[in-house]
């Protein structure tokens, strides 16, 4: 039962995460439909279905929003005057023109903070960090949906762009954030990976042999 409960929670987070990507890129995808040669023969048939699809998407998004966990306010549930505090990073703006690059980056930073950095309060101290991650997603969209040859889609071949460089990150005051060294206990020899049970116990999994063990693996 605990596995099913965890799967349901993952499903809820995933649905909302993907709906937010739809929110950010739907307008851009519509404006770039001429770039997809597969759309030429289908445009006439699809026009009548668009309204129904939008209605279904709105309904599904409402369901996902209802299942989503509540926004956190860093420990403060209310402002001093008693009104609820709304973190600007927790709100996606339905009125932005998302065909504009700068507006997509703004919304992507919110999405990253909510779903990828799981509302980490410290992440809000470095807009530079959010900005680099947002640009990585934006460039992947361009790379895969616009620049990537269509023939590779059926072959499931994806040419990912390089990860962003996180060196010399700056906080919101303009100061360089010091690098955090990796603790020796966090490094295990390949092909092992550390994992954590639902009870918080650490175990180790070999990605090649599929074996798992409680003892920390060594390089010997």
Foldseek 3Di string as FASTA:
>chain_A
DVVVVVVVLVVLLVLLLVLLVCLLCVLQCVVCVVLDPVCPVCVVVCPVCPVVVVVVSVVSNVVSVVPHDDDDDPPDQPDPVRHGDDDPLCDQDSPDPSNDPVNSLSSQLSSCCCRVVVVPVVVLQFVQVSSLVSVQVVVQCCVPVRVDDPVCVVVVDGDHDDRGDPAQGATPVRHGDDDDDDDPVCDADPPKHWDADPVGQIKIAHPPVRDIGNDGDHPD
